[in-house]
Amino acid sequence: MTSHLSASTALPGKFITFEGIDGAGKSTHIDFVADLLKAHGKTVVSSREPGGTPLGEALREVLLHQKMHLETEALLMFASRREHLAQVIEPALQRGDWVISDRFSDASFAYQGGGRGLDVAKLEALEQWVHPHLQPALTLLFDVPLDIARARLDATRTLDKFEQEQTTFFANCRQEYLRRAAQFPDRIVVVDSTRSIADTRARLTAIIENLLEL
């Protein structure tokens, strides 16, 4: 059984993650949430996965642009995550900072599990190895229909290997994200990313202010 202790149960800081399929719009709101927390007097560390450390950023380039066996991909994702935890996330939480990460282990379940079809038990074993007693206090899952996500991606930038995947891949990723949201409702909050930026930010403000009161 995978442990799902919140970061806030053991460490003085709080850990917030942003999740969603490519094109869901999560990155649009990361700075907004960071600024909201800072306005409440919190020290905020913002990071991303894969990445977040010099080694993690080097692995990010490999992961996003080179083809590899799906198990190799999962192992490298969690290797980057272990370094991220050791060098950035855990020290910041120990200091009492609030950490925001653009993706964390839910992304591995969605992309390598849902999208690639890797056995979830293998991902659970990696999760238990890499962060057995640490889960985000809050995960914001930005959800959007596939056609809207694809239109947003096509309008923005050169696509990496994940963003170039077919619709079925992203449908499976989205399904796994929503399955995890149903499995862990106390941690994962689904945010309707089809709404306007103003409406979405009003929703995020309410969610964050509720977390601040805990």
C-alpha atoms as a PDB file:
ATOM      1  CA  MET A   1       0.000   0.000   0.000  1.00  0.00           C
ATOM      2  CA  THR A   2       1.451   3.358  -1.040  1.00  0.00           C
ATOM      3  CA  SER A   3       1.828   5.918   1.741  1.00  0.00           C
ATOM      4  CA  HIS A   4       0.088   9.214   1.093  1.00  0.00           C
ATOM      5  CA  LEU A   5       1.094  11.276   4.086  1.00  0.00           C
ATOM      6  CA  SER A   6       0.921  14.975   3.320  1.00  0.00           C
ATOM      7  CA  ALA A   7       4.121  16.980   3.421  1.00  0.00           C
ATOM      8  CA  SER A   8       2.490  19.245   5.976  1.00  0.00           C
ATOM      9  CA  THR A   9       2.103  16.403   8.477  1.00  0.00           C
ATOM     10  CA  ALA A  10       5.852  16.057   8.944  1.00  0.00           C
ATOM     11  CA  LEU A  11       7.490  19.293   7.774  1.00  0.00           C
ATOM     12  CA  PRO A  12       6.841  22.940   8.669  1.00  0.00           C
ATOM     13  CA  GLY A  13       6.437  24.102   5.059  1.00  0.00           C
ATOM     14  CA  LYS A  14       3.707  23.197   2.573  1.00  0.00           C
ATOM     15  CA  PHE A  15       4.043  21.548  -0.812  1.00  0.00           C
ATOM     16  CA  ILE A  16       1.726  22.420  -3.732  1.00  0.00           C
ATOM     17  CA  THR A  17       1.878  20.743  -7.135  1.00  0.00           C
ATOM     18  CA  PHE A  18       0.375  21.727 -10.473  1.00  0.00           C
ATOM     19  CA  GLU A  19      -0.747  18.943 -12.803  1.00  0.00           C
ATOM     20  CA  GLY A  20      -2.596  18.467 -16.083  1.00  0.00           C
ATOM     21  CA  ILE A  21      -2.098  17.229 -19.627  1.00  0.00           C
ATOM     22  CA  ASP A  22      -0.021  19.369 -21.971  1.00  0.00           C
ATOM     23  CA  GLY A  23      -2.107  22.348 -23.025  1.00  0.00           C
ATOM     24  CA  ALA A  24      -4.280  22.311 -19.909  1.00  0.00           C
ATOM     25  CA  GLY A  25      -3.079  25.791 -18.990  1.00  0.00           C
ATOM     26  CA  LYS A  26      -1.546  25.073 -15.584  1.00  0.00           C
ATOM     27  CA  SER A  27       1.650  27.044 -16.252  1.00  0.00           C
ATOM     28  CA  THR A  28      -0.435  30.184 -16.829  1.00  0.00           C
ATOM     29  CA  HIS A  29      -1.356  30.256 -13.135  1.00  0.00           C
ATOM     30  CA  ILE A  30       1.821  29.226 -11.287  1.00  0.00           C
ATOM     31  CA  ASP A  31       3.158  32.760 -10.843  1.00  0.00           C
ATOM     32  CA  PHE A  32      -0.297  33.925  -9.764  1.00  0.00           C
ATOM     33  CA  VAL A  33      -0.456  31.360  -6.962  1.00  0.00           C
ATOM     34  CA  ALA A  34       3.129  32.131  -5.931  1.00  0.00           C
ATOM     35  CA  ASP A  35       2.323  35.845  -5.734  1.00  0.00           C
ATOM     36  CA  LEU A  36      -0.857  35.107  -3.766  1.00  0.00           C
ATOM     37  CA  LEU A  37       1.130  33.141  -1.189  1.00  0.00           C
ATOM     38  CA  LYS A  38       3.770  35.854  -0.978  1.00  0.00           C
ATOM     39  CA  ALA A  39       1.014  38.397  -0.346  1.00  0.00           C
ATOM     40  CA  HIS A  40       0.101  36.290   2.698  1.00  0.00           C
ATOM     41  CA  GLY A  41       3.667  36.507   3.965  1.00  0.00           C
ATOM     42  CA  LYS A  42       4.879  33.114   2.764  1.00  0.00           C
ATOM     43  CA  THR A  43       8.345  32.424   1.381  1.00  0.00           C
ATOM     44  CA  VAL A  44       7.802  30.583  -1.889  1.00  0.00           C
ATOM     45  CA  VAL A  45      10.100  28.287  -3.857  1.00  0.00           C
ATOM     46  CA  SER A  46       8.899  27.582  -7.406  1.00  0.00           C
ATOM     47  CA  SER A  47      10.323  24.666  -9.376  1.00  0.00           C
ATOM     48  CA  ARG A  48       9.456  22.121 -12.052  1.00  0.00           C
ATOM     49  CA  GLU A  49       9.714  18.478 -13.081  1.00  0.00           C
ATOM     50  CA  PRO A  50      11.521  17.002 -14.724  1.00  0.00           C
ATOM     51  CA  GLY A  51      14.162  19.494 -13.677  1.00  0.00           C
ATOM     52  CA  GLY A  52      14.558  21.725 -10.663  1.00  0.00           C
ATOM     53  CA  THR A  53      18.263  20.980 -10.174  1.00  0.00           C
ATOM     54  CA  PRO A  54      21.285  21.061 -12.521  1.00  0.00           C
ATOM     55  CA  LEU A  55      21.144  17.275 -12.855  1.00  0.00           C
ATOM     56  CA  GLY A  56      17.372  17.356 -13.221  1.00  0.00           C
ATOM     57  CA  GLU A  57      17.549  19.944 -15.996  1.00  0.00           C
ATOM     58  CA  ALA A  58      20.109  17.801 -17.854  1.00  0.00           C
ATOM     59  CA  LEU A  59      17.803  14.801 -17.502  1.00  0.00           C
ATOM     60  CA  ARG A  60      14.875  16.957 -18.665  1.00  0.00           C
ATOM     61  CA  GLU A  61      16.579  17.530 -22.020  1.00  0.00           C
ATOM     62  CA  VAL A  62      17.088  13.785 -22.437  1.00  0.00           C
ATOM     63  CA  LEU A  63      13.566  12.905 -21.325  1.00  0.00           C
ATOM     64  CA  LEU A  64      11.783  15.458 -23.496  1.00  0.00           C
ATOM     65  CA  HIS A  65      13.743  14.916 -26.684  1.00  0.00           C
ATOM     66  CA  GLN A  66      15.126  11.358 -26.853  1.00  0.00           C
ATOM     67  CA  LYS A  67      13.177   8.179 -27.478  1.00  0.00           C
ATOM     68  CA  MET A  68      13.737   5.402 -24.936  1.00  0.00           C
ATOM     69  CA  HIS A  69      12.173   2.323 -23.387  1.00  0.00           C
ATOM     70  CA  LEU A  70       9.152   3.223 -21.257  1.00  0.00           C
ATOM     71  CA  GLU A  71      10.745   1.742 -18.118  1.00  0.00           C
ATOM     72  CA  THR A  72      13.928   3.753 -18.731  1.00  0.00           C
ATOM     73  CA  GLU A  73      11.744   6.849 -19.033  1.00  0.00           C
ATOM     74  CA  ALA A  74       9.997   6.131 -15.715  1.00  0.00           C
ATOM     75  CA  LEU A  75      13.271   5.409 -13.936  1.00  0.00           C
ATOM     76  CA  LEU A  76      14.862   8.630 -15.180  1.00  0.00           C
ATOM     77  CA  MET A  77      11.793  10.615 -14.130  1.00  0.00           C
ATOM     78  CA  PHE A  78      12.046   9.276 -10.603  1.00  0.00           C
ATOM     79  CA  ALA A  79      15.842   9.702 -10.557  1.00  0.00           C
ATOM     80  CA  SER A  80      15.351  13.380 -11.394  1.00  0.00           C
ATOM     81  CA  ARG A  81      12.614  13.544  -8.734  1.00  0.00           C
ATOM     82  CA  ARG A  82      14.848  12.060  -6.019  1.00  0.00           C
ATOM     83  CA  GLU A  83      17.472  14.737  -6.711  1.00  0.00           C
ATOM     84  CA  HIS A  84      14.780  17.416  -6.775  1.00  0.00           C
ATOM     85  CA  LEU A  85      13.490  16.287  -3.400  1.00  0.00           C
ATOM     86  CA  ALA A  86      16.958  16.084  -1.841  1.00  0.00           C
ATOM     87  CA  GLN A  87      18.298  19.364  -3.192  1.00  0.00           C
ATOM     88  CA  VAL A  88      15.229  21.627  -3.368  1.00  0.00           C
ATOM     89  CA  ILE A  89      11.900  20.395  -2.003  1.00  0.00           C
ATOM     90  CA  GLU A  90      12.817  18.803   1.326  1.00  0.00           C
ATOM     91  CA  PRO A  91      15.275  21.551   2.438  1.00  0.00           C
ATOM     92  CA  ALA A  92      12.701  24.239   1.594  1.00  0.00           C
ATOM     93  CA  LEU A  93       9.930  22.465   3.512  1.00  0.00           C
ATOM     94  CA  GLN A  94      12.266  22.011   6.476  1.00  0.00           C
ATOM     95  CA  ARG A  95      12.850  25.793   6.467  1.00  0.00           C
ATOM     96  CA  GLY A  96       9.102  26.385   6.539  1.00  0.00           C
ATOM     97  CA  ASP A  97       8.903  27.612   2.942  1.00  0.00           C
ATOM     98  CA  TRP A  98       6.009  26.873   0.616  1.00  0.00           C
ATOM     99  CA  VAL A  99       7.093  24.876  -2.437  1.00  0.00           C
ATOM    100  CA  ILE A 100       5.273  24.995  -5.777  1.00  0.00           C
ATOM    101  CA  SER A 101       6.254  22.369  -8.343  1.00  0.00           C
ATOM    102  CA  ASP A 102       5.095  22.267 -11.936  1.00  0.00           C
ATOM    103  CA  ARG A 103       4.445  18.486 -11.952  1.00  0.00           C
ATOM    104  CA  PHE A 104       5.374  15.755  -9.487  1.00  0.00           C
ATOM    105  CA  SER A 105       4.663  12.010  -9.203  1.00  0.00           C
ATOM    106  CA  ASP A 106       1.048  12.270 -10.379  1.00  0.00           C
ATOM    107  CA  ALA A 107       2.533  13.150 -13.778  1.00  0.00           C
ATOM    108  CA  SER A 108       4.444   9.869 -13.849  1.00  0.00           C
ATOM    109  CA  PHE A 109       1.249   7.944 -13.157  1.00  0.00           C
ATOM    110  CA  ALA A 110      -0.553   9.914 -15.882  1.00  0.00           C
ATOM    111  CA  TYR A 111       2.135   9.898 -18.573  1.00  0.00           C
ATOM    112  CA  GLN A 112       4.167   6.737 -18.019  1.00  0.00           C
ATOM    113  CA  GLY A 113       1.220   4.827 -16.511  1.00  0.00           C
ATOM    114  CA  GLY A 114      -1.846   6.097 -18.352  1.00  0.00           C
ATOM    115  CA  GLY A 115      -0.175   7.288 -21.530  1.00  0.00           C
ATOM    116  CA  ARG A 116       2.594   4.725 -21.972  1.00  0.00           C
ATOM    117  CA  GLY A 117       0.789   1.830 -20.296  1.00  0.00           C
ATOM    118  CA  LEU A 118       3.449   1.035 -17.692  1.00  0.00           C
ATOM    119  CA  ASP A 119       2.201  -1.194 -14.885  1.00  0.00           C
ATOM    120  CA  VAL A 120       0.981   1.089 -12.090  1.00  0.00           C
ATOM    121  CA  ALA A 121       2.472  -1.283  -9.509  1.00  0.00           C
ATOM    122  CA  LYS A 122       5.940  -0.442 -10.823  1.00  0.00           C
ATOM    123  CA  LEU A 123       5.236   3.279 -10.467  1.00  0.00           C
ATOM    124  CA  GLU A 124       3.910   2.730  -6.954  1.00  0.00           C
ATOM    125  CA  ALA A 125       7.118   0.883  -6.071  1.00  0.00           C
ATOM    126  CA  LEU A 126       9.206   3.795  -7.375  1.00  0.00           C
ATOM    127  CA  GLU A 127       7.041   6.305  -5.517  1.00  0.00           C
ATOM    128  CA  GLN A 128       7.416   4.291  -2.301  1.00  0.00           C
ATOM    129  CA  TRP A 129      11.186   4.219  -2.774  1.00  0.00           C
ATOM    130  CA  VAL A 130      11.686   7.874  -3.723  1.00  0.00           C
ATOM    131  CA  HIS A 131       9.240   9.637  -1.371  1.00  0.00           C
ATOM    132  CA  PRO A 132       7.469   7.125   0.907  1.00  0.00           C
ATOM    133  CA  HIS A 133       6.323   9.662   3.522  1.00  0.00           C
ATOM    134  CA  LEU A 134       5.965  12.798   1.440  1.00  0.00           C
ATOM    135  CA  GLN A 135       2.988  13.869  -0.641  1.00  0.00           C
ATOM    136  CA  PRO A 136       1.823  17.359  -1.613  1.00  0.00           C
ATOM    137  CA  ALA A 137      -0.484  19.145   0.778  1.00  0.00           C
ATOM    138  CA  LEU A 138      -2.421  20.212  -2.322  1.00  0.00           C
ATOM    139  CA  THR A 139      -2.388  19.166  -5.972  1.00  0.00           C
ATOM    140  CA  LEU A 140      -4.145  21.442  -8.449  1.00  0.00           C
ATOM    141  CA  LEU A 141      -5.229  19.351 -11.444  1.00  0.00           C
ATOM    142  CA  PHE A 142      -6.059  21.555 -14.412  1.00  0.00           C
ATOM    143  CA  ASP A 143      -8.523  19.654 -16.569  1.00  0.00           C
ATOM    144  CA  VAL A 144      -9.539  20.522 -20.109  1.00  0.00           C
ATOM    145  CA  PRO A 145     -11.042  18.632 -23.084  1.00  0.00           C
ATOM    146  CA  LEU A 146      -8.446  17.206 -25.457  1.00  0.00           C
ATOM    147  CA  ASP A 147      -9.382  19.375 -28.432  1.00  0.00           C
ATOM    148  CA  ILE A 148      -8.865  22.573 -26.439  1.00  0.00           C
ATOM    149  CA  ALA A 149      -5.540  21.326 -25.066  1.00  0.00           C
ATOM    150  CA  ARG A 150      -4.310  20.471 -28.557  1.00  0.00           C
ATOM    151  CA  ALA A 151      -5.366  23.841 -29.970  1.00  0.00           C
ATOM    152  CA  ARG A 152      -3.453  25.608 -27.195  1.00  0.00           C
ATOM    153  CA  LEU A 153      -0.336  23.544 -27.844  1.00  0.00           C
ATOM    154  CA  ASP A 154      -0.408  24.078 -31.587  1.00  0.00           C
ATOM    155  CA  ALA A 155      -0.601  27.837 -31.054  1.00  0.00           C
ATOM    156  CA  THR A 156       2.340  28.170 -28.690  1.00  0.00           C
ATOM    157  CA  ARG A 157       5.728  26.613 -29.438  1.00  0.00           C
ATOM    158  CA  THR A 158       7.824  23.811 -30.886  1.00  0.00           C
ATOM    159  CA  LEU A 159       6.514  20.614 -29.352  1.00  0.00           C
ATOM    160  CA  ASP A 160       8.596  18.142 -27.328  1.00  0.00           C
ATOM    161  CA  LYS A 161       8.220  14.354 -27.726  1.00  0.00           C
ATOM    162  CA  PHE A 162       5.348  14.129 -25.241  1.00  0.00           C
ATOM    163  CA  GLU A 163       3.452  17.044 -26.768  1.00  0.00           C
ATOM    164  CA  GLN A 164       3.740  15.388 -30.188  1.00  0.00           C
ATOM    165  CA  GLU A 165       1.891  12.261 -29.011  1.00  0.00           C
ATOM    166  CA  GLN A 166      -1.445  11.256 -30.518  1.00  0.00           C
ATOM    167  CA  THR A 167      -4.891  12.000 -29.076  1.00  0.00           C
ATOM    168  CA  THR A 168      -5.243   8.503 -27.590  1.00  0.00           C
ATOM    169  CA  PHE A 169      -2.104   9.040 -25.510  1.00  0.00           C
ATOM    170  CA  PHE A 170      -3.476  12.239 -23.987  1.00  0.00           C
ATOM    171  CA  ALA A 171      -6.923  10.717 -23.486  1.00  0.00           C
ATOM    172  CA  ASN A 172      -5.288   7.988 -21.415  1.00  0.00           C
ATOM    173  CA  CYS A 173      -3.188  10.517 -19.502  1.00  0.00           C
ATOM    174  CA  ARG A 174      -6.272  12.565 -18.703  1.00  0.00           C
ATOM    175  CA  GLN A 175      -8.216   9.482 -17.630  1.00  0.00           C
ATOM    176  CA  GLU A 176      -5.438   8.483 -15.234  1.00  0.00           C
ATOM    177  CA  TYR A 177      -5.242  11.996 -13.786  1.00  0.00           C
ATOM    178  CA  LEU A 178      -8.982  11.954 -13.134  1.00  0.00           C
ATOM    179  CA  ARG A 179      -8.774   8.454 -11.662  1.00  0.00           C
ATOM    180  CA  ARG A 180      -6.154   9.667  -9.196  1.00  0.00           C
ATOM    181  CA  ALA A 181      -8.246  12.724  -8.363  1.00  0.00           C
ATOM    182  CA  ALA A 182     -11.098  10.394  -7.438  1.00  0.00           C
ATOM    183  CA  GLN A 183      -8.709   8.183  -5.456  1.00  0.00           C
ATOM    184  CA  PHE A 184      -7.159  11.052  -3.482  1.00  0.00           C
ATOM    185  CA  PRO A 185      -9.898  13.720  -3.166  1.00  0.00           C
ATOM    186  CA  ASP A 186      -8.423  15.199   0.017  1.00  0.00           C
ATOM    187  CA  ARG A 187      -5.256  16.135  -1.868  1.00  0.00           C
ATOM    188  CA  ILE A 188      -6.169  16.616  -5.534  1.00  0.00           C
ATOM    189  CA  VAL A 189      -8.529  19.434  -6.527  1.00  0.00           C
ATOM    190  CA  VAL A 190      -9.756  19.453 -10.130  1.00  0.00           C
ATOM    191  CA  VAL A 191      -9.772  22.912 -11.697  1.00  0.00           C
ATOM    192  CA  ASP A 192     -11.927  23.474 -14.808  1.00  0.00           C
ATOM    193  CA  SER A 193      -9.391  25.029 -17.157  1.00  0.00           C
ATOM    194  CA  THR A 194     -11.955  25.844 -19.854  1.00  0.00           C
ATOM    195  CA  ARG A 195     -13.065  28.863 -17.833  1.00  0.00           C
ATOM    196  CA  SER A 196     -11.635  32.346 -18.286  1.00  0.00           C
ATOM    197  CA  ILE A 197      -8.359  33.260 -16.633  1.00  0.00           C
ATOM    198  CA  ALA A 198     -10.224  35.585 -14.260  1.00  0.00           C
ATOM    199  CA  ASP A 199     -12.696  32.864 -13.223  1.00  0.00           C
ATOM    200  CA  THR A 200      -9.921  30.320 -12.811  1.00  0.00           C
ATOM    201  CA  ARG A 201      -7.907  32.687 -10.635  1.00  0.00           C
ATOM    202  CA  ALA A 202     -10.922  33.402  -8.459  1.00  0.00           C
ATOM    203  CA  ARG A 203     -11.289  29.652  -7.950  1.00  0.00           C
ATOM    204  CA  LEU A 204      -7.572  29.296  -7.182  1.00  0.00           C
ATOM    205  CA  THR A 205      -7.743  32.147  -4.674  1.00  0.00           C
ATOM    206  CA  ALA A 206     -10.536  30.382  -2.785  1.00  0.00           C
ATOM    207  CA  ILE A 207      -8.621  27.079  -2.787  1.00  0.00           C
ATOM    208  CA  ILE A 208      -5.376  28.662  -1.565  1.00  0.00           C
ATOM    209  CA  GLU A 209      -7.083  30.763   1.102  1.00  0.00           C
ATOM    210  CA  ASN A 210      -8.748  27.606   2.393  1.00  0.00           C
ATOM    211  CA  LEU A 211      -5.342  25.895   2.578  1.00  0.00           C
ATOM    212  CA  LEU A 212      -3.868  28.887   4.414  1.00  0.00           C
ATOM    213  CA  GLU A 213      -6.532  28.508   7.094  1.00  0.00           C
ATOM    214  CA  LEU A 214      -5.644  24.858   7.821  1.00  0.00           C
END
